[in-house]
Amino acid sequence: MTKIEDIETAIAQLPREQFDQLAEWLDRQRESDFDRQIEADAKAGRLDGLWAEAGREIAQGKARPLDELLDD
C-alpha cells in the first residue's frame, strides 16, 4: 500500500464528526495554499497582464460592479 492509500483507508474509518473536522481542516489548508500562491504570483508580476486587462475593460465600460453580479 502507498501512503495515500493508507491515509484513504484511515479516513474511511473515521467517525462522521472526525471526518467533518478533517474536511474542514483540509479546506482551510487548500485556501491558505491558494492565498500564498496568489500572493507569490502577484509579487512576481504574473498577474500584471490581468490587472491591465481589467483596467481597460473598466475604462471601456465593459465591467459591472461585483455586487450587481452577485445580486443577479
N, C-alpha and C. Protein backbone atom coordinates (compact mmCIF):
# COMPACT_ATOMS: atom_id res chain seq x y z
N MET A 1 0.83 -1.20 0.00
CA MET A 1 0.00 0.00 0.00
C MET A 1 0.86 1.25 0.00
N THR A 2 0.38 2.27 -0.70
CA THR A 2 1.09 3.55 -0.67
C THR A 2 0.63 4.36 0.53
N LYS A 3 1.36 5.40 0.80
CA LYS A 3 1.00 6.27 1.91
C LYS A 3 -0.40 6.86 1.70
N ILE A 4 -0.71 7.26 0.46
CA ILE A 4 -2.03 7.82 0.17
C ILE A 4 -3.11 6.78 0.42
N GLU A 5 -2.88 5.57 -0.01
CA GLU A 5 -3.88 4.51 0.23
C GLU A 5 -4.07 4.27 1.73
N ASP A 6 -2.99 4.32 2.48
CA ASP A 6 -3.10 4.18 3.94
C ASP A 6 -3.95 5.30 4.53
N ILE A 7 -3.71 6.52 4.06
CA ILE A 7 -4.48 7.67 4.56
C ILE A 7 -5.95 7.53 4.18
N GLU A 8 -6.21 7.14 2.93
CA GLU A 8 -7.59 6.96 2.48
C GLU A 8 -8.31 5.91 3.33
N THR A 9 -7.63 4.82 3.62
CA THR A 9 -8.23 3.76 4.45
C THR A 9 -8.54 4.28 5.85
N ALA A 10 -7.60 5.04 6.42
CA ALA A 10 -7.81 5.60 7.76
C ALA A 10 -8.97 6.59 7.75
N ILE A 11 -9.05 7.41 6.73
CA ILE A 11 -10.14 8.40 6.64
C ILE A 11 -11.48 7.70 6.54
N ALA A 12 -11.55 6.65 5.76
CA ALA A 12 -12.80 5.91 5.57
C ALA A 12 -13.31 5.32 6.89
N GLN A 13 -12.42 5.12 7.85
CA GLN A 13 -12.80 4.52 9.13
C GLN A 13 -13.14 5.56 10.20
N LEU A 14 -12.99 6.83 9.88
CA LEU A 14 -13.26 7.88 10.87
C LEU A 14 -14.76 7.98 11.16
N PRO A 15 -15.09 8.28 12.42
CA PRO A 15 -16.48 8.64 12.72
C PRO A 15 -16.84 9.93 11.99
N ARG A 16 -18.10 10.13 11.72
CA ARG A 16 -18.56 11.27 10.92
C ARG A 16 -18.05 12.60 11.47
N GLU A 17 -18.09 12.81 12.76
CA GLU A 17 -17.65 14.07 13.36
C GLU A 17 -16.17 14.32 13.06
N GLN A 18 -15.34 13.31 13.21
CA GLN A 18 -13.92 13.47 12.93
C GLN A 18 -13.66 13.66 11.44
N PHE A 19 -14.43 12.97 10.61
CA PHE A 19 -14.33 13.17 9.16
C PHE A 19 -14.62 14.62 8.81
N ASP A 20 -15.70 15.17 9.38
CA ASP A 20 -16.06 16.57 9.12
C ASP A 20 -14.97 17.53 9.59
N GLN A 21 -14.38 17.26 10.74
CA GLN A 21 -13.28 18.09 11.23
C GLN A 21 -12.09 18.05 10.27
N LEU A 22 -11.78 16.86 9.79
CA LEU A 22 -10.69 16.71 8.85
C LEU A 22 -10.99 17.45 7.55
N ALA A 23 -12.21 17.33 7.06
CA ALA A 23 -12.60 18.01 5.82
C ALA A 23 -12.47 19.52 5.97
N GLU A 24 -12.88 20.05 7.11
CA GLU A 24 -12.75 21.49 7.36
C GLU A 24 -11.28 21.90 7.40
N TRP A 25 -10.44 21.09 8.03
CA TRP A 25 -9.02 21.38 8.10
C TRP A 25 -8.41 21.38 6.69
N LEU A 26 -8.77 20.39 5.89
CA LEU A 26 -8.26 20.32 4.52
C LEU A 26 -8.70 21.53 3.70
N ASP A 27 -9.93 21.96 3.88
CA ASP A 27 -10.42 23.15 3.19
C ASP A 27 -9.59 24.38 3.57
N ARG A 28 -9.32 24.53 4.87
CA ARG A 28 -8.51 25.66 5.33
C ARG A 28 -7.10 25.60 4.74
N GLN A 29 -6.53 24.40 4.69
CA GLN A 29 -5.19 24.23 4.12
C GLN A 29 -5.18 24.62 2.64
N ARG A 30 -6.17 24.16 1.90
CA ARG A 30 -6.25 24.45 0.47
C ARG A 30 -6.41 25.96 0.26
N GLU A 31 -7.27 26.60 1.05
CA GLU A 31 -7.46 28.04 0.93
C GLU A 31 -6.18 28.80 1.25
N SER A 32 -5.49 28.36 2.27
CA SER A 32 -4.24 29.00 2.67
C SER A 32 -3.19 28.84 1.57
N ASP A 33 -3.08 27.66 1.01
CA ASP A 33 -2.13 27.42 -0.08
C ASP A 33 -2.47 28.29 -1.29
N PHE A 34 -3.76 28.41 -1.61
CA PHE A 34 -4.19 29.23 -2.73
C PHE A 34 -3.83 30.69 -2.49
N ASP A 35 -4.10 31.18 -1.28
CA ASP A 35 -3.78 32.57 -0.94
C ASP A 35 -2.28 32.84 -1.08
N ARG A 36 -1.45 31.91 -0.59
CA ARG A 36 0.00 32.07 -0.71
C ARG A 36 0.43 32.10 -2.18
N GLN A 37 -0.17 31.24 -3.00
CA GLN A 37 0.20 31.20 -4.42
C GLN A 37 -0.20 32.48 -5.13
N ILE A 38 -1.40 32.99 -4.85
CA ILE A 38 -1.84 34.25 -5.46
C ILE A 38 -0.91 35.39 -5.04
N GLU A 39 -0.55 35.44 -3.77
CA GLU A 39 0.35 36.48 -3.28
C GLU A 39 1.70 36.38 -3.98
N ALA A 40 2.24 35.18 -4.11
CA ALA A 40 3.53 35.00 -4.79
C ALA A 40 3.43 35.39 -6.26
N ASP A 41 2.34 35.01 -6.92
CA ASP A 41 2.15 35.38 -8.33
C ASP A 41 2.05 36.89 -8.49
N ALA A 42 1.34 37.54 -7.58
CA ALA A 42 1.20 39.00 -7.65
C ALA A 42 2.56 39.68 -7.46
N LYS A 43 3.32 39.23 -6.47
CA LYS A 43 4.64 39.83 -6.21
C LYS A 43 5.59 39.61 -7.39
N ALA A 44 5.43 38.49 -8.08
CA ALA A 44 6.31 38.17 -9.21
C ALA A 44 5.86 38.84 -10.50
N GLY A 45 4.72 39.54 -10.46
CA GLY A 45 4.24 40.23 -11.65
C GLY A 45 3.44 39.37 -12.62
N ARG A 46 3.15 38.13 -12.22
CA ARG A 46 2.43 37.22 -13.12
C ARG A 46 0.96 37.59 -13.30
N LEU A 47 0.46 38.52 -12.50
CA LEU A 47 -0.94 38.95 -12.63
C LEU A 47 -1.06 40.32 -13.28
N ASP A 48 0.06 40.92 -13.61
CA ASP A 48 0.05 42.28 -14.16
C ASP A 48 -0.80 42.38 -15.42
N GLY A 49 -0.69 41.41 -16.30
CA GLY A 49 -1.47 41.43 -17.54
C GLY A 49 -2.97 41.38 -17.27
N LEU A 50 -3.36 40.59 -16.28
CA LEU A 50 -4.78 40.50 -15.93
C LEU A 50 -5.28 41.82 -15.35
N TRP A 51 -4.45 42.45 -14.50
CA TRP A 51 -4.83 43.75 -13.93
C TRP A 51 -4.98 44.79 -15.03
N ALA A 52 -4.06 44.78 -15.97
CA ALA A 52 -4.12 45.75 -17.07
C ALA A 52 -5.37 45.53 -17.91
N GLU A 53 -5.66 44.27 -18.20
CA GLU A 53 -6.87 43.96 -18.98
C GLU A 53 -8.12 44.40 -18.23
N ALA A 54 -8.17 44.15 -16.94
CA ALA A 54 -9.32 44.57 -16.14
C ALA A 54 -9.46 46.09 -16.16
N GLY A 55 -8.35 46.79 -16.06
CA GLY A 55 -8.38 48.25 -16.10
C GLY A 55 -8.93 48.77 -17.43
N ARG A 56 -8.52 48.13 -18.52
CA ARG A 56 -9.03 48.53 -19.84
C ARG A 56 -10.52 48.28 -19.94
N GLU A 57 -10.97 47.13 -19.47
CA GLU A 57 -12.40 46.81 -19.53
C GLU A 57 -13.23 47.76 -18.67
N ILE A 58 -12.71 48.13 -17.54
CA ILE A 58 -13.41 49.10 -16.68
C ILE A 58 -13.50 50.44 -17.40
N ALA A 59 -12.38 50.88 -17.98
CA ALA A 59 -12.35 52.16 -18.69
C ALA A 59 -13.31 52.17 -19.88
N GLN A 60 -13.51 51.01 -20.50
CA GLN A 60 -14.40 50.90 -21.66
C GLN A 60 -15.85 50.65 -21.26
N GLY A 61 -16.11 50.60 -19.98
CA GLY A 61 -17.47 50.36 -19.50
C GLY A 61 -17.94 48.93 -19.68
N LYS A 62 -17.02 48.00 -19.84
CA LYS A 62 -17.38 46.60 -20.06
C LYS A 62 -17.53 45.82 -18.75
N ALA A 63 -17.21 46.45 -17.65
CA ALA A 63 -17.27 45.76 -16.36
C ALA A 63 -18.46 46.24 -15.55
N ARG A 64 -19.00 45.33 -14.75
CA ARG A 64 -20.09 45.68 -13.83
C ARG A 64 -19.58 45.51 -12.41
N PRO A 65 -20.10 46.30 -11.49
CA PRO A 65 -19.71 46.12 -10.09
C PRO A 65 -20.04 44.70 -9.61
N LEU A 66 -19.19 44.17 -8.80
CA LEU A 66 -19.36 42.79 -8.32
C LEU A 66 -20.68 42.62 -7.58
N ASP A 67 -21.10 43.62 -6.80
CA ASP A 67 -22.35 43.47 -6.06
C ASP A 67 -23.55 43.34 -7.02
N GLU A 68 -23.47 43.94 -8.20
CA GLU A 68 -24.54 43.74 -9.18
C GLU A 68 -24.57 42.30 -9.69
N LEU A 69 -23.42 41.75 -9.92
CA LEU A 69 -23.34 40.37 -10.41
C LEU A 69 -23.84 39.39 -9.37
N LEU A 70 -23.51 39.65 -8.11
CA LEU A 70 -23.90 38.74 -7.04
C LEU A 70 -25.38 38.84 -6.73
N ASP A 71 -26.01 39.97 -7.05
CA ASP A 71 -27.44 40.14 -6.80
C ASP A 71 -28.30 39.48 -7.87
N ASP A 72 -27.72 39.20 -9.04
CA ASP A 72 -28.48 38.61 -10.15
C ASP A 72 -28.91 37.19 -9.84
